[in-house]
Amino acid sequence: MRTCYGAAGAARAVYLAGAALNRADWRADAHAALRGALTAASGELILDSALCHGWAGLLQIVLRMAHDSADPSYRTVADALACG
């Protein structure tokens, strides 16, 4: 089954816009959206490794958010995604 993680990608875009425009509220909304997408994905087995529709894309977004936000919880999620 292919699940689209578009919410994660949109969250990343909103986070970057919030960072560029110094909008803490946008960055907070982006964190909430990404956490919601990760919660939704946590109960399923992600078999697709595609960058767009699979765990690789989700992992890439989480790693970039971990780097940019310095939120340690994203590193934990990234580790879990990487270990499958």
Protein backbone atom coordinates (compact mmCIF):
# COMPACT_ATOMS: atom_id res chain seq x y z
CA MET A 1 0.00 0.00 0.00
CA ARG A 2 1.30 3.43 -0.88
CA THR A 3 0.70 6.16 1.62
CA CYS A 4 1.43 9.74 0.73
CA TYR A 5 3.35 11.70 3.31
CA GLY A 6 2.47 15.01 1.72
CA ALA A 7 1.72 16.49 5.12
CA ALA A 8 5.35 15.96 6.11
CA GLY A 9 6.59 17.71 2.98
CA ALA A 10 4.16 20.56 3.45
CA ALA A 11 5.25 20.87 7.08
CA ARG A 12 8.86 21.16 5.95
CA ALA A 13 7.95 23.89 3.45
CA VAL A 14 6.01 25.84 6.09
CA TYR A 15 8.91 25.47 8.53
CA LEU A 16 11.36 26.87 5.97
CA ALA A 17 9.02 29.75 5.16
CA GLY A 18 8.64 30.46 8.88
CA ALA A 19 12.40 30.44 9.31
CA ALA A 20 12.93 32.75 6.35
CA LEU A 21 10.28 35.20 7.50
CA ASN A 22 11.02 34.83 11.22
CA ARG A 23 7.53 33.54 11.95
CA ALA A 24 7.61 31.45 15.10
CA ASP A 25 3.90 30.66 14.70
CA TRP A 26 4.50 29.10 11.26
CA ARG A 27 7.40 27.06 12.61
CA ALA A 28 5.21 25.84 15.50
CA ASP A 29 2.45 24.90 13.05
CA ALA A 30 5.01 23.03 10.95
CA HIS A 31 6.22 21.05 13.97
CA ALA A 32 2.62 20.16 14.85
CA ALA A 33 1.87 19.06 11.29
CA LEU A 34 5.01 16.93 11.06
CA ARG A 35 4.34 15.30 14.42
CA GLY A 36 0.80 14.55 13.26
CA ALA A 37 2.09 12.96 10.06
CA LEU A 38 4.61 10.90 12.02
CA THR A 39 1.91 9.75 14.42
CA ALA A 40 -0.29 8.72 11.51
CA ALA A 41 2.59 6.80 9.91
CA SER A 42 3.73 5.13 13.14
CA GLY A 43 1.04 2.47 13.11
CA GLU A 44 1.78 1.16 9.64
CA LEU A 45 4.55 -0.83 8.08
CA ILE A 46 6.23 1.39 5.50
CA LEU A 47 7.36 -0.97 2.75
CA ASP A 48 7.94 1.59 0.06
CA SER A 49 11.44 3.06 0.12
CA ALA A 50 10.71 5.78 -2.43
CA LEU A 51 11.79 9.31 -1.70
CA CYS A 52 8.32 10.64 -2.44
CA HIS A 53 6.00 8.03 -0.97
CA GLY A 54 8.09 5.97 1.39
CA TRP A 55 10.24 5.89 4.43
CA ALA A 56 13.25 7.43 2.66
CA GLY A 57 11.40 10.68 2.05
CA LEU A 58 9.97 10.72 5.52
CA LEU A 59 13.41 10.04 6.98
CA GLN A 60 14.95 12.83 4.90
CA ILE A 61 12.37 15.34 6.12
CA VAL A 62 12.79 14.29 9.74
CA LEU A 63 16.59 14.52 9.52
CA ARG A 64 16.43 18.00 8.01
CA MET A 65 13.97 19.15 10.67
CA ALA A 66 16.24 17.68 13.36
CA HIS A 67 19.17 19.65 12.00
CA ASP A 68 17.33 22.93 11.53
CA SER A 69 15.29 22.94 14.72
CA ALA A 70 17.75 21.23 17.08
CA ASP A 71 14.78 19.31 18.51
CA PRO A 72 16.22 16.05 19.90
CA SER A 73 12.93 14.19 19.50
CA TYR A 74 13.40 14.25 15.72
CA ARG A 75 16.71 12.36 16.09
CA THR A 76 14.87 9.63 18.00
CA VAL A 77 12.25 9.38 15.26
CA ALA A 78 14.96 9.36 12.58
CA ASP A 79 16.74 6.51 14.33
CA ALA A 80 13.51 4.51 14.48
CA LEU A 81 12.79 5.15 10.79
CA ALA A 82 16.33 4.22 9.77
CA CYS A 83 16.22 0.97 11.72
CA GLY A 84 12.83 0.10 10.31
